[in-house]
Amino acid sequence: MRFERYGKGLAKGLNITLKHVFRPRITTQYPEQKLTVSKRFRGYELVWDKSRCTGCATCAKSCPQGNIEIVTSRGSDNRYVVEKFEVDTGRCIFCGLCVESCPYDALFLGLDYERASYRRGDLVLSKEQLELGPGKRRSGYFRPEVESTLPRQTLLLDTAGRKKQD
C-alpha cells in the first residue's frame, strides 16, 4: 500500500519533467540579445524634449522627492530659456508624476534599463544627457500616441509556452 503512494508521486514528477523537456526554450543570451520591454515601461531614464519645454517647472513641482531642478532665464521675445535641467535619478522613484503633469509633452519616461554606475554623482543627469536624440527611446507611459509606434514586448509568456503578443 505504501509503495503505491510513492509510485504515484514519482509518476507525477516524471510527467511534469517530460512535459517541460520538449517545450521550446525561452532563454535569451543577454548581452547579445536584448528583450523588448513593455510599451508602458517606467524605466531607469527620463527623456526630455528641449524644443517642447517652456521652463514652466510643473514637472519639478509635481515631483514628490524634489529630484528635478530647473533654472530658467528670460530670453529673446520675452520667453523663458532653460539654463539648467537636472534630475537626480539616484533618488527618483520613477513614479511618472512629472511626465503626467507636463502640459507641453516635453518629458517622457525612457525604455533604457542598463544605467548602472559606481558613483553616486553619475546618477545626476544634466539636460544634455536627458535630451531626446537618436539613441533615446521614449516609453509609451501616459502617451498613447507614442505607444502605438513601439514594438511588442518579448518578456511575457502565455500558458502554452509561446511568446505572448500584447
C-alpha atoms as a PDB file:
ATOM      1  CA  MET A   1       0.000   0.000   0.000  1.00  0.00           C
ATOM      2  CA  ARG A   2       2.820   2.409   0.795  1.00  0.00           C
ATOM      3  CA  PHE A   3       4.532   1.519  -2.467  1.00  0.00           C
ATOM      4  CA  GLU A   4       1.508   2.820  -4.422  1.00  0.00           C
ATOM      5  CA  ARG A   5       1.838   6.253  -2.808  1.00  0.00           C
ATOM      6  CA  TYR A   6       5.487   6.535  -3.692  1.00  0.00           C
ATOM      7  CA  GLY A   7       4.867   5.287  -7.198  1.00  0.00           C
ATOM      8  CA  LYS A   8       2.148   7.880  -7.864  1.00  0.00           C
ATOM      9  CA  GLY A   9       4.354  10.713  -6.698  1.00  0.00           C
ATOM     10  CA  LEU A  10       7.231   9.516  -8.816  1.00  0.00           C
ATOM     11  CA  ALA A  11       4.987   9.213 -11.865  1.00  0.00           C
ATOM     12  CA  LYS A  12       3.599  12.744 -11.361  1.00  0.00           C
ATOM     13  CA  GLY A  13       7.075  14.217 -11.047  1.00  0.00           C
ATOM     14  CA  LEU A  14       8.324  12.377 -14.108  1.00  0.00           C
ATOM     15  CA  ASN A  15       5.271  13.515 -16.067  1.00  0.00           C
ATOM     16  CA  ILE A  16       5.977  17.177 -15.243  1.00  0.00           C
ATOM     17  CA  THR A  17       9.639  16.767 -16.150  1.00  0.00           C
ATOM     18  CA  LEU A  18       8.845  15.195 -19.509  1.00  0.00           C
ATOM     19  CA  LYS A  19       6.286  17.898 -20.268  1.00  0.00           C
ATOM     20  CA  HIS A  20       8.895  20.642 -19.802  1.00  0.00           C
ATOM     21  CA  VAL A  21      11.723  18.861 -21.616  1.00  0.00           C
ATOM     22  CA  PHE A  22      10.027  19.174 -25.002  1.00  0.00           C
ATOM     23  CA  ARG A  23       8.873  22.769 -24.554  1.00  0.00           C
ATOM     24  CA  PRO A  24      10.565  25.432 -26.712  1.00  0.00           C
ATOM     25  CA  ARG A  25      13.401  27.272 -24.987  1.00  0.00           C
ATOM     26  CA  ILE A  26      12.800  30.821 -23.763  1.00  0.00           C
ATOM     27  CA  THR A  27      16.311  31.677 -22.606  1.00  0.00           C
ATOM     28  CA  THR A  28      17.910  34.772 -24.104  1.00  0.00           C
ATOM     29  CA  GLN A  29      21.649  35.310 -24.391  1.00  0.00           C
ATOM     30  CA  TYR A  30      21.667  38.668 -22.590  1.00  0.00           C
ATOM     31  CA  PRO A  31      24.500  40.827 -23.844  1.00  0.00           C
ATOM     32  CA  GLU A  32      23.972  39.808 -27.464  1.00  0.00           C
ATOM     33  CA  GLN A  33      20.167  39.592 -27.404  1.00  0.00           C
ATOM     34  CA  LYS A  34      18.093  42.128 -25.526  1.00  0.00           C
ATOM     35  CA  LEU A  35      14.435  41.742 -24.715  1.00  0.00           C
ATOM     36  CA  THR A  36      11.893  44.315 -25.776  1.00  0.00           C
ATOM     37  CA  VAL A  37      10.309  45.713 -22.643  1.00  0.00           C
ATOM     38  CA  SER A  38       6.673  46.691 -22.191  1.00  0.00           C
ATOM     39  CA  LYS A  39       5.390  49.674 -24.150  1.00  0.00           C
ATOM     40  CA  ARG A  40       4.464  51.425 -20.911  1.00  0.00           C
ATOM     41  CA  PHE A  41       7.730  50.598 -19.148  1.00  0.00           C
ATOM     42  CA  ARG A  42       8.721  53.077 -16.460  1.00  0.00           C
ATOM     43  CA  GLY A  43      12.437  52.594 -16.945  1.00  0.00           C
ATOM     44  CA  TYR A  44      15.525  53.999 -15.417  1.00  0.00           C
ATOM     45  CA  GLU A  45      15.733  57.130 -17.506  1.00  0.00           C
ATOM     46  CA  LEU A  46      13.869  60.295 -18.350  1.00  0.00           C
ATOM     47  CA  VAL A  47      13.805  61.679 -21.885  1.00  0.00           C
ATOM     48  CA  TRP A  48      13.444  65.436 -22.281  1.00  0.00           C
ATOM     49  CA  ASP A  49      12.350  67.187 -25.474  1.00  0.00           C
ATOM     50  CA  LYS A  50      14.149  70.544 -25.443  1.00  0.00           C
ATOM     51  CA  SER A  51      12.082  72.009 -28.272  1.00  0.00           C
ATOM     52  CA  ARG A  52       8.769  71.486 -26.454  1.00  0.00           C
ATOM     53  CA  CYS A  53       9.881  72.554 -22.969  1.00  0.00           C
ATOM     54  CA  THR A  54       8.925  76.073 -21.901  1.00  0.00           C
ATOM     55  CA  GLY A  55      10.613  76.011 -18.495  1.00  0.00           C
ATOM     56  CA  CYS A  56       7.339  76.204 -16.573  1.00  0.00           C
ATOM     57  CA  ALA A  57       8.739  73.813 -13.902  1.00  0.00           C
ATOM     58  CA  THR A  58       5.440  71.998 -13.471  1.00  0.00           C
ATOM     59  CA  CYS A  59       7.336  68.715 -13.518  1.00  0.00           C
ATOM     60  CA  ALA A  60       9.631  69.886 -10.718  1.00  0.00           C
ATOM     61  CA  LYS A  61       6.663  70.991  -8.620  1.00  0.00           C
ATOM     62  CA  SER A  62       4.886  67.654  -9.042  1.00  0.00           C
ATOM     63  CA  CYS A  63       7.906  65.528  -8.068  1.00  0.00           C
ATOM     64  CA  PRO A  64       7.263  64.099  -4.574  1.00  0.00           C
ATOM     65  CA  GLN A  65      11.001  63.629  -3.954  1.00  0.00           C
ATOM     66  CA  GLY A  66      12.098  67.025  -5.282  1.00  0.00           C
ATOM     67  CA  ASN A  67      14.608  65.469  -7.677  1.00  0.00           C
ATOM     68  CA  ILE A  68      14.097  67.793 -10.638  1.00  0.00           C
ATOM     69  CA  GLU A  69      15.950  71.102 -10.660  1.00  0.00           C
ATOM     70  CA  ILE A  70      15.116  73.697 -13.298  1.00  0.00           C
ATOM     71  CA  VAL A  71      16.761  77.102 -13.709  1.00  0.00           C
ATOM     72  CA  THR A  72      15.381  79.447 -16.359  1.00  0.00           C
ATOM     73  CA  SER A  73      16.175  82.940 -17.605  1.00  0.00           C
ATOM     74  CA  ARG A  74      14.403  85.420 -19.831  1.00  0.00           C
ATOM     75  CA  GLY A  75      15.468  85.194 -23.433  1.00  0.00           C
ATOM     76  CA  SER A  76      14.501  86.975 -26.597  1.00  0.00           C
ATOM     77  CA  ASP A  77      10.805  87.531 -27.344  1.00  0.00           C
ATOM     78  CA  ASN A  78      10.084  87.526 -23.583  1.00  0.00           C
ATOM     79  CA  ARG A  79      10.281  83.704 -23.436  1.00  0.00           C
ATOM     80  CA  TYR A  80      11.961  81.561 -20.849  1.00  0.00           C
ATOM     81  CA  VAL A  81      15.160  79.728 -21.746  1.00  0.00           C
ATOM     82  CA  VAL A  82      16.035  76.619 -19.761  1.00  0.00           C
ATOM     83  CA  GLU A  83      19.547  77.139 -18.397  1.00  0.00           C
ATOM     84  CA  LYS A  84      19.697  74.087 -16.152  1.00  0.00           C
ATOM     85  CA  PHE A  85      17.579  70.937 -16.136  1.00  0.00           C
ATOM     86  CA  GLU A  86      18.869  68.227 -13.807  1.00  0.00           C
ATOM     87  CA  VAL A  87      17.293  65.052 -12.479  1.00  0.00           C
ATOM     88  CA  ASP A  88      18.752  63.032  -9.604  1.00  0.00           C
ATOM     89  CA  THR A  89      17.918  59.509 -10.760  1.00  0.00           C
ATOM     90  CA  GLY A  90      19.562  58.037  -7.690  1.00  0.00           C
ATOM     91  CA  ARG A  91      16.700  59.325  -5.536  1.00  0.00           C
ATOM     92  CA  CYS A  92      13.988  59.162  -8.198  1.00  0.00           C
ATOM     93  CA  ILE A  93      11.266  56.568  -7.615  1.00  0.00           C
ATOM     94  CA  PHE A  94      10.121  56.734 -11.264  1.00  0.00           C
ATOM     95  CA  CYS A  95       6.507  57.258 -10.311  1.00  0.00           C
ATOM     96  CA  GLY A  96       5.781  59.150 -13.550  1.00  0.00           C
ATOM     97  CA  LEU A  97       4.089  62.149 -11.928  1.00  0.00           C
ATOM     98  CA  CYS A  98       6.452  64.541 -13.706  1.00  0.00           C
ATOM     99  CA  VAL A  99       5.531  63.012 -17.072  1.00  0.00           C
ATOM    100  CA  GLU A 100       1.819  63.182 -16.318  1.00  0.00           C
ATOM    101  CA  SER A 101       1.942  66.796 -15.160  1.00  0.00           C
ATOM    102  CA  CYS A 102       3.931  68.206 -18.108  1.00  0.00           C
ATOM    103  CA  PRO A 103       1.399  70.322 -20.053  1.00  0.00           C
ATOM    104  CA  TYR A 104       3.588  70.511 -23.181  1.00  0.00           C
ATOM    105  CA  ASP A 105       4.502  66.798 -23.539  1.00  0.00           C
ATOM    106  CA  ALA A 106       8.190  67.603 -23.150  1.00  0.00           C
ATOM    107  CA  LEU A 107       9.064  64.895 -20.620  1.00  0.00           C
ATOM    108  CA  PHE A 108       8.887  61.140 -21.187  1.00  0.00           C
ATOM    109  CA  LEU A 109       9.994  58.039 -19.362  1.00  0.00           C
ATOM    110  CA  GLY A 110      12.543  56.044 -21.344  1.00  0.00           C
ATOM    111  CA  LEU A 111      12.945  52.402 -22.279  1.00  0.00           C
ATOM    112  CA  ASP A 112      16.566  52.035 -21.155  1.00  0.00           C
ATOM    113  CA  TYR A 113      17.223  49.629 -18.286  1.00  0.00           C
ATOM    114  CA  GLU A 114      21.035  49.454 -18.326  1.00  0.00           C
ATOM    115  CA  ARG A 115      22.138  52.549 -16.449  1.00  0.00           C
ATOM    116  CA  ALA A 116      24.128  51.164 -13.529  1.00  0.00           C
ATOM    117  CA  SER A 117      27.037  53.221 -12.221  1.00  0.00           C
ATOM    118  CA  TYR A 118      29.610  53.019  -9.468  1.00  0.00           C
ATOM    119  CA  ARG A 119      29.479  56.663  -8.368  1.00  0.00           C
ATOM    120  CA  ARG A 120      26.502  58.485  -6.918  1.00  0.00           C
ATOM    121  CA  GLY A 121      27.398  61.650  -8.819  1.00  0.00           C
ATOM    122  CA  ASP A 122      26.911  59.856 -12.132  1.00  0.00           C
ATOM    123  CA  LEU A 123      23.230  59.403 -11.283  1.00  0.00           C
ATOM    124  CA  VAL A 124      22.531  63.153 -11.553  1.00  0.00           C
ATOM    125  CA  LEU A 125      21.651  63.677 -15.208  1.00  0.00           C
ATOM    126  CA  SER A 126      22.058  67.052 -16.893  1.00  0.00           C
ATOM    127  CA  LYS A 127      19.940  68.410 -19.719  1.00  0.00           C
ATOM    128  CA  GLU A 128      22.472  67.203 -22.309  1.00  0.00           C
ATOM    129  CA  GLN A 129      22.134  63.641 -21.008  1.00  0.00           C
ATOM    130  CA  LEU A 130      18.328  63.839 -20.905  1.00  0.00           C
ATOM    131  CA  GLU A 131      17.780  65.376 -24.340  1.00  0.00           C
ATOM    132  CA  LEU A 132      15.795  63.467 -26.919  1.00  0.00           C
ATOM    133  CA  GLY A 133      18.226  62.271 -29.551  1.00  0.00           C
ATOM    134  CA  PRO A 134      18.944  59.393 -31.894  1.00  0.00           C
ATOM    135  CA  GLY A 135      19.942  56.971 -29.113  1.00  0.00           C
ATOM    136  CA  LYS A 136      16.987  57.726 -26.834  1.00  0.00           C
ATOM    137  CA  ARG A 137      13.744  55.775 -26.957  1.00  0.00           C
ATOM    138  CA  ARG A 138      10.578  57.114 -25.370  1.00  0.00           C
ATOM    139  CA  SER A 139       8.230  54.914 -23.388  1.00  0.00           C
ATOM    140  CA  GLY A 140       4.512  54.916 -24.084  1.00  0.00           C
ATOM    141  CA  TYR A 141       3.746  55.575 -20.411  1.00  0.00           C
ATOM    142  CA  PHE A 142       0.930  58.173 -20.337  1.00  0.00           C
ATOM    143  CA  ARG A 143       1.472  58.856 -24.047  1.00  0.00           C
ATOM    144  CA  PRO A 144      -0.825  56.675 -26.228  1.00  0.00           C
ATOM    145  CA  GLU A 145       0.427  58.305 -29.439  1.00  0.00           C
ATOM    146  CA  VAL A 146       3.953  57.049 -28.696  1.00  0.00           C
ATOM    147  CA  GLU A 147       2.720  53.640 -27.522  1.00  0.00           C
ATOM    148  CA  SER A 148       1.264  52.775 -30.913  1.00  0.00           C
ATOM    149  CA  THR A 149       4.684  53.206 -32.591  1.00  0.00           C
ATOM    150  CA  LEU A 150       6.604  50.872 -30.251  1.00  0.00           C
ATOM    151  CA  PRO A 151       7.311  47.163 -30.944  1.00  0.00           C
ATOM    152  CA  ARG A 152       5.571  44.394 -28.985  1.00  0.00           C
ATOM    153  CA  GLN A 153       7.180  43.240 -25.807  1.00  0.00           C
ATOM    154  CA  THR A 154       9.055  39.953 -25.557  1.00  0.00           C
ATOM    155  CA  LEU A 155       9.060  39.486 -21.785  1.00  0.00           C
ATOM    156  CA  LEU A 156       5.737  37.758 -21.098  1.00  0.00           C
ATOM    157  CA  LEU A 157       4.830  34.182 -21.861  1.00  0.00           C
ATOM    158  CA  ASP A 158       1.377  32.679 -22.094  1.00  0.00           C
ATOM    159  CA  THR A 159       0.411  29.346 -20.554  1.00  0.00           C
ATOM    160  CA  ALA A 160       1.034  27.365 -23.745  1.00  0.00           C
ATOM    161  CA  GLY A 161       4.736  28.296 -23.687  1.00  0.00           C
ATOM    162  CA  ARG A 162       4.665  30.559 -26.740  1.00  0.00           C
ATOM    163  CA  LYS A 163       5.650  34.185 -26.549  1.00  0.00           C
ATOM    164  CA  LYS A 164       2.715  36.414 -25.708  1.00  0.00           C
ATOM    165  CA  GLN A 165       1.658  39.158 -28.103  1.00  0.00           C
ATOM    166  CA  ASP A 166       0.153  42.242 -26.484  1.00  0.00           C
END
